[in-house]
Amino acid sequence: MRNTLKLIASPRNLFVFEAAARLGSFTLAASDLGMQQPSVSAAIKQLERSLGVRLFDRGHRRITLTNAGLRFYADVSQSLRSIESAAEAVHNMGNTEYVTLNSSSAFSFYWMMPKLHRLREFYPAIDLRLQNSVHEPDLDAENISIAVRLGDGNWPECHVAKIADEIIFPVASPKVMRSARNLRSIPNLLNERLIHLEEPVRMRPTWKQWFEHHGVMDVQISEGLRLNDYALVLQAAQNGEGIAFGWQHIVSDLVDKKLLAARDDWAWQTSRGVYLVWSKSRPLSDNAEVVRDWILSFV
């Protein structure tokens, strides 16, 4: 811990960095945190000095993350979300008036958020709280109403309902997909820059496994951008950083809006699925049942 404090100078700097990276602006970060813009700028400079690396490229009224900044943001944002989730879970233990939906950050942002206005329209009195985590939480111990899990559907302690099959295909920004060299066959994809998802807790399919499914064996993939949060993977893909995995249930809206282009003709349907789960040991509240059934209405 002492080494961590030496590297970051102050824990506050992590919150300042996360807000600036998330919002893409020191000014907006200052407003979000209730600080002055010069204080935000000073905190970022202090953090960069202590780490010995530049985290942002600064332009006219615009900041962008460097490669080091992207890597740092992936871990910092995930860690701060875990701390926030843990704090909220402890704070709200025993309170059953609200409904908690636990899922990955990508599911919350890309699947739930575009639909939330419909839930509010039909059920304005329901207090739904989205909770993101990088692990599969204990629903009872953490007072979680319902959760989204990726797996084989075998969780003996939970009721389960399938949301979608796990179907994966390459996605990239339309510009990157258009400029890719000779994507007439799957092996040619090895000539492109690939974006890798490497979560520290949950095992996820790899590009090597995807190529093997399509009969391309013994591939060696060493280069490319590596991130540990799928929401960041999709953001990097939209920004033109390379070609990423597209989980169909997550990226379909992005493809429809032409924010991403997909090679869904190269899809891999694994044996797994995306499931909604809730505890067998305690009944759902009336509001939680409404939210569960509302989510399943999109299946």
Protein backbone atom coordinates (compact mmCIF):
# COMPACT_ATOMS: atom_id res chain seq x y z
CA MET A 1 0.00 0.00 0.00
CA ARG A 2 2.86 2.38 0.72
CA ASN A 3 4.17 1.86 -2.80
CA THR A 4 0.68 2.57 -4.18
CA LEU A 5 0.49 5.86 -2.32
CA LYS A 6 3.94 6.75 -3.63
CA LEU A 7 2.84 6.03 -7.20
CA ILE A 8 -0.43 7.97 -7.09
CA ALA A 9 0.58 10.70 -4.60
CA SER A 10 -3.02 10.96 -3.29
CA PRO A 11 -6.08 8.66 -3.50
CA ARG A 12 -8.10 11.68 -4.59
CA ASN A 13 -6.09 11.78 -7.80
CA LEU A 14 -7.66 8.48 -8.88
CA PHE A 15 -11.17 9.91 -8.61
CA VAL A 16 -10.10 13.02 -10.50
CA PHE A 17 -8.42 10.95 -13.22
CA GLU A 18 -11.45 8.66 -13.60
CA ALA A 19 -13.85 11.60 -13.97
CA ALA A 20 -11.61 13.38 -16.50
CA ALA A 21 -11.12 10.21 -18.56
CA ARG A 22 -14.81 9.29 -18.45
CA LEU A 23 -16.03 12.77 -19.39
CA GLY A 24 -13.17 13.69 -21.73
CA SER A 25 -12.78 17.11 -20.13
CA PHE A 26 -11.07 18.66 -17.12
CA THR A 27 -13.83 21.26 -16.93
CA LEU A 28 -16.62 18.66 -16.89
CA ALA A 29 -14.68 16.59 -14.37
CA ALA A 30 -14.41 19.63 -12.12
CA SER A 31 -18.17 20.15 -12.31
CA ASP A 32 -18.82 16.46 -11.68
CA LEU A 33 -16.60 16.42 -8.59
CA GLY A 34 -17.51 19.86 -7.25
CA MET A 35 -13.98 21.18 -7.78
CA GLN A 36 -12.35 24.02 -9.65
CA GLN A 37 -10.85 23.26 -13.07
CA PRO A 38 -7.30 24.32 -12.06
CA SER A 39 -7.46 21.85 -9.14
CA VAL A 40 -8.39 19.06 -11.53
CA SER A 41 -5.54 19.97 -13.87
CA ALA A 42 -3.10 20.10 -10.95
CA ALA A 43 -4.24 16.70 -9.67
CA ILE A 44 -3.72 15.12 -13.09
CA LYS A 45 -0.26 16.69 -13.41
CA GLN A 46 0.67 15.39 -9.96
CA LEU A 47 -0.52 11.90 -10.89
CA GLU A 48 1.43 11.96 -14.16
CA ARG A 49 4.59 13.08 -12.34
CA SER A 50 4.27 10.36 -9.71
CA LEU A 51 3.60 7.65 -12.32
CA GLY A 52 6.27 8.97 -14.65
CA VAL A 53 4.04 8.79 -17.71
CA ARG A 54 1.71 11.09 -19.64
CA LEU A 55 -1.95 10.02 -19.27
CA PHE A 56 -3.63 12.63 -21.51
CA ASP A 57 -2.86 14.35 -24.78
CA ARG A 58 -3.99 17.93 -24.33
CA GLY A 59 -5.42 19.81 -27.29
CA HIS A 60 -7.45 22.95 -27.81
CA ARG A 61 -10.48 22.49 -25.52
CA ARG A 62 -10.06 18.73 -25.81
CA ILE A 63 -8.21 15.95 -24.03
CA THR A 64 -7.71 12.36 -25.16
CA LEU A 65 -6.24 9.41 -23.30
CA THR A 66 -2.81 8.18 -24.32
CA ASN A 67 -2.22 4.44 -24.59
CA ALA A 68 -0.91 4.51 -21.03
CA GLY A 69 -3.98 6.48 -20.01
CA LEU A 70 -6.32 3.93 -21.63
CA ARG A 71 -4.56 1.10 -19.81
CA PHE A 72 -4.67 2.93 -16.48
CA TYR A 73 -8.32 3.95 -16.93
CA ALA A 74 -9.34 0.34 -17.57
CA ASP A 75 -8.07 -0.74 -14.15
CA VAL A 76 -8.90 2.41 -12.19
CA SER A 77 -12.50 2.67 -13.41
CA GLN A 78 -13.11 -1.01 -12.72
CA SER A 79 -11.60 -0.79 -9.23
CA LEU A 80 -13.57 2.31 -8.31
CA ARG A 81 -16.80 0.68 -9.53
CA SER A 82 -16.04 -2.34 -7.35
CA ILE A 83 -15.46 -0.11 -4.32
CA GLU A 84 -18.67 1.80 -5.07
CA SER A 85 -20.67 -1.42 -5.44
CA ALA A 86 -19.27 -2.81 -2.19
CA ALA A 87 -20.03 0.41 -0.33
CA GLU A 88 -23.58 0.55 -1.67
CA ALA A 89 -24.19 -3.12 -0.88
CA VAL A 90 -23.08 -2.65 2.74
CA HIS A 91 -24.97 0.63 3.09
CA ASN A 92 -28.19 -0.85 1.75
CA MET A 93 -28.17 -4.23 3.51
CA GLY A 94 -31.64 -5.03 4.76
CA ASN A 95 -33.34 -2.43 2.57
CA THR A 96 -35.76 -4.23 0.23
CA GLU A 97 -37.71 -1.25 -1.13
CA TYR A 98 -35.57 -0.94 -4.25
CA VAL A 99 -34.60 -3.39 -7.00
CA THR A 100 -30.92 -4.10 -7.68
CA LEU A 101 -29.77 -5.45 -11.03
CA ASN A 102 -26.18 -6.70 -11.02
CA SER A 103 -24.39 -7.09 -14.34
CA SER A 104 -21.25 -6.23 -16.24
CA SER A 105 -20.63 -2.59 -17.09
CA ALA A 106 -21.09 -3.37 -20.80
CA PHE A 107 -24.52 -4.95 -20.26
CA SER A 108 -25.62 -1.99 -18.14
CA PHE A 109 -24.37 0.61 -20.58
CA TYR A 110 -25.16 -0.97 -23.95
CA TRP A 111 -28.17 -3.21 -23.19
CA MET A 112 -29.99 -1.65 -20.24
CA MET A 113 -29.40 2.08 -20.63
CA PRO A 114 -31.04 2.42 -24.09
CA LYS A 115 -34.16 0.72 -22.70
CA LEU A 116 -34.46 2.36 -19.27
CA HIS A 117 -36.75 5.14 -20.46
CA ARG A 118 -39.35 2.51 -21.31
CA LEU A 119 -39.20 1.05 -17.82
CA ARG A 120 -39.60 4.51 -16.27
CA GLU A 121 -42.50 5.23 -18.62
CA PHE A 122 -44.48 2.14 -17.63
CA TYR A 123 -43.31 1.73 -14.01
CA PRO A 124 -42.28 5.17 -12.73
CA ALA A 125 -42.53 4.15 -9.06
CA ILE A 126 -39.90 1.40 -9.29
CA ASP A 127 -36.51 2.33 -7.86
CA LEU A 128 -34.09 0.33 -10.03
CA ARG A 129 -30.42 0.43 -9.14
CA LEU A 130 -27.83 -0.82 -11.61
CA GLN A 131 -24.81 -2.40 -9.95
CA ASN A 132 -21.74 -3.42 -11.93
CA SER A 133 -19.14 -5.92 -10.79
CA VAL A 134 -16.29 -7.97 -12.23
CA HIS A 135 -17.24 -11.11 -10.31
CA GLU A 136 -20.34 -13.18 -9.74
CA PRO A 137 -21.71 -11.86 -6.46
CA ASP A 138 -23.55 -13.78 -3.73
CA LEU A 139 -27.10 -12.56 -4.35
CA ASP A 140 -28.25 -13.16 -0.78
CA ALA A 141 -25.19 -11.84 1.05
CA GLU A 142 -25.10 -8.67 -1.08
CA ASN A 143 -28.88 -8.15 -1.17
CA ILE A 144 -29.07 -8.32 -4.97
CA SER A 145 -32.51 -8.82 -6.49
CA ILE A 146 -31.56 -10.13 -9.93
CA ALA A 147 -28.32 -10.51 -11.86
CA VAL A 148 -27.05 -11.17 -15.36
CA ARG A 149 -24.57 -14.01 -15.78
CA LEU A 150 -22.72 -15.54 -18.72
CA GLY A 151 -22.30 -19.29 -18.52
CA ASP A 152 -23.90 -22.69 -19.03
CA GLY A 153 -27.05 -21.88 -17.05
CA ASN A 154 -26.10 -24.21 -14.19
CA TRP A 155 -26.29 -22.26 -10.93
CA PRO A 156 -28.02 -24.59 -8.43
CA GLU A 157 -28.68 -21.82 -5.92
CA CYS A 158 -30.51 -19.66 -8.48
CA HIS A 159 -33.55 -19.61 -10.71
CA VAL A 160 -32.42 -18.92 -14.28
CA ALA A 161 -33.96 -17.60 -17.50
CA LYS A 162 -32.01 -17.27 -20.74
CA ILE A 163 -31.73 -13.80 -22.26
CA ALA A 164 -29.64 -14.76 -25.29
CA ASP A 165 -27.25 -17.34 -26.72
CA GLU A 166 -23.59 -16.38 -26.66
CA ILE A 167 -22.82 -15.41 -30.26
CA ILE A 168 -19.53 -13.68 -31.07
CA PHE A 169 -18.30 -12.04 -34.27
CA PRO A 170 -15.74 -9.39 -35.25
CA VAL A 171 -16.75 -5.72 -35.01
CA ALA A 172 -14.94 -2.46 -35.71
CA SER A 173 -15.67 1.11 -36.61
CA PRO A 174 -17.08 1.35 -40.16
CA LYS A 175 -13.91 3.17 -41.25
CA VAL A 176 -11.61 0.46 -39.88
CA MET A 177 -13.73 -2.29 -41.39
CA ARG A 178 -13.70 -0.59 -44.80
CA SER A 179 -9.93 -0.07 -44.75
CA ALA A 180 -9.09 -3.59 -43.52
CA ARG A 181 -6.90 -5.46 -45.98
CA ASN A 182 -8.57 -8.21 -47.97
CA LEU A 183 -11.05 -9.60 -45.45
CA ARG A 184 -12.24 -12.23 -47.91
CA SER A 185 -11.18 -15.02 -45.60
CA ILE A 186 -10.85 -15.42 -41.86
CA PRO A 187 -7.04 -15.99 -41.80
CA ASN A 188 -6.55 -12.52 -43.31
CA LEU A 189 -7.97 -11.06 -40.11
CA LEU A 190 -4.60 -11.89 -38.52
CA ASN A 191 -3.14 -8.99 -40.53
CA GLU A 192 -5.31 -6.51 -38.63
CA ARG A 193 -4.86 -4.94 -35.19
CA LEU A 194 -7.00 -6.89 -32.74
CA ILE A 195 -8.45 -5.66 -29.46
CA HIS A 196 -8.31 -8.21 -26.65
CA LEU A 197 -10.57 -8.54 -23.60
CA GLU A 198 -8.58 -9.82 -20.62
CA GLU A 199 -10.71 -9.71 -17.49
CA PRO A 200 -8.81 -10.46 -14.26
CA VAL A 201 -11.57 -12.59 -12.67
CA ARG A 202 -13.91 -14.01 -15.31
CA MET A 203 -12.64 -16.18 -18.15
CA ARG A 204 -13.70 -14.90 -21.56
CA PRO A 205 -13.29 -16.43 -25.04
CA THR A 206 -10.06 -15.42 -26.76
CA TRP A 207 -9.20 -14.60 -30.34
CA LYS A 208 -7.15 -17.80 -30.46
CA GLN A 209 -10.24 -19.83 -29.57
CA TRP A 210 -12.31 -17.94 -32.12
CA PHE A 211 -9.81 -18.68 -34.89
CA GLU A 212 -9.65 -22.34 -33.84
CA HIS A 213 -13.44 -22.60 -34.01
CA HIS A 214 -13.17 -21.46 -37.63
CA GLY A 215 -10.45 -23.99 -38.39
CA VAL A 216 -7.46 -21.65 -38.19
CA MET A 217 -5.13 -23.52 -35.87
CA ASP A 218 -1.90 -22.71 -34.02
CA VAL A 219 -2.17 -18.96 -34.49
CA GLN A 220 0.22 -16.69 -32.61
CA ILE A 221 -1.31 -13.35 -31.61
CA SER A 222 0.98 -11.10 -29.62
CA GLU A 223 0.12 -7.59 -30.70
CA GLY A 224 -2.95 -5.46 -30.22
CA LEU A 225 -4.69 -3.42 -27.55
CA ARG A 226 -5.50 -5.32 -24.34
CA LEU A 227 -8.24 -4.09 -22.01
CA ASN A 228 -9.92 -5.63 -18.97
CA ASP A 229 -13.43 -4.20 -19.34
CA TYR A 230 -15.73 -4.93 -22.28
CA ALA A 231 -17.32 -1.48 -22.23
CA LEU A 232 -13.83 -0.06 -22.85
CA VAL A 233 -13.23 -2.62 -25.60
CA LEU A 234 -16.31 -1.39 -27.45
CA GLN A 235 -15.34 2.24 -26.92
CA ALA A 236 -11.89 1.52 -28.33
CA ALA A 237 -13.45 -0.24 -31.32
CA GLN A 238 -15.74 2.71 -32.01
CA ASN A 239 -12.73 5.02 -31.78
CA GLY A 240 -10.95 3.07 -34.52
CA GLU A 241 -8.35 1.31 -32.36
CA GLY A 242 -8.83 -2.05 -34.07
CA ILE A 243 -11.15 -5.04 -34.47
CA ALA A 244 -12.86 -6.45 -31.39
CA PHE A 245 -15.17 -9.26 -30.35
CA GLY A 246 -18.82 -8.35 -30.69
CA TRP A 247 -21.19 -10.19 -28.38
CA GLN A 248 -24.42 -10.10 -30.39
CA HIS A 249 -26.75 -9.22 -27.52
CA ILE A 250 -24.53 -6.25 -26.61
CA VAL A 251 -23.53 -4.81 -29.99
CA SER A 252 -26.74 -5.18 -32.04
CA ASP A 253 -27.89 -1.62 -31.29
CA LEU A 254 -24.43 -0.21 -32.09
CA VAL A 255 -24.43 -2.04 -35.42
CA ASP A 256 -27.98 -0.86 -36.22
CA LYS A 257 -26.91 2.74 -35.50
CA LYS A 258 -23.81 2.22 -37.70
CA LEU A 259 -21.49 3.05 -34.83
CA LEU A 260 -19.92 -0.34 -35.44
CA ALA A 261 -19.67 -2.55 -38.51
CA ALA A 262 -19.93 -6.32 -38.04
CA ARG A 263 -18.80 -9.47 -39.81
CA ASP A 264 -21.72 -11.51 -38.46
CA ASP A 265 -21.18 -14.00 -41.29
CA TRP A 266 -18.16 -15.08 -39.22
CA ALA A 267 -20.20 -15.68 -36.08
CA TRP A 268 -19.25 -18.22 -33.42
CA GLN A 269 -22.16 -19.55 -31.39
CA THR A 270 -20.64 -21.06 -28.28
CA SER A 271 -22.38 -23.53 -26.02
CA ARG A 272 -22.99 -20.84 -23.41
CA GLY A 273 -25.65 -18.21 -22.93
CA VAL A 274 -26.56 -14.98 -21.15
CA TYR A 275 -28.93 -15.59 -18.24
CA LEU A 276 -31.02 -13.64 -15.79
CA VAL A 277 -30.71 -15.21 -12.31
CA TRP A 278 -32.40 -14.70 -8.95
CA SER A 279 -32.08 -16.46 -5.62
CA LYS A 280 -34.00 -19.63 -4.76
CA SER A 281 -33.67 -18.98 -1.03
CA ARG A 282 -35.81 -15.83 -0.86
CA PRO A 283 -38.79 -14.65 -2.89
CA LEU A 284 -38.53 -11.70 -5.24
CA SER A 285 -40.35 -8.53 -4.25
CA ASP A 286 -43.28 -7.49 -6.41
CA ASN A 287 -41.17 -4.76 -8.03
CA ALA A 288 -38.30 -7.17 -8.69
CA GLU A 289 -40.72 -9.54 -10.41
CA VAL A 290 -41.88 -6.66 -12.61
CA VAL A 291 -38.29 -5.79 -13.58
CA ARG A 292 -37.46 -9.45 -14.23
CA ASP A 293 -40.46 -9.92 -16.47
CA TRP A 294 -39.80 -6.61 -18.24
CA ILE A 295 -36.23 -7.65 -19.09
CA LEU A 296 -37.40 -11.04 -20.32
CA SER A 297 -40.00 -9.36 -22.54
CA PHE A 298 -37.12 -8.36 -24.85
CA VAL A 299 -36.06 -11.98 -25.35
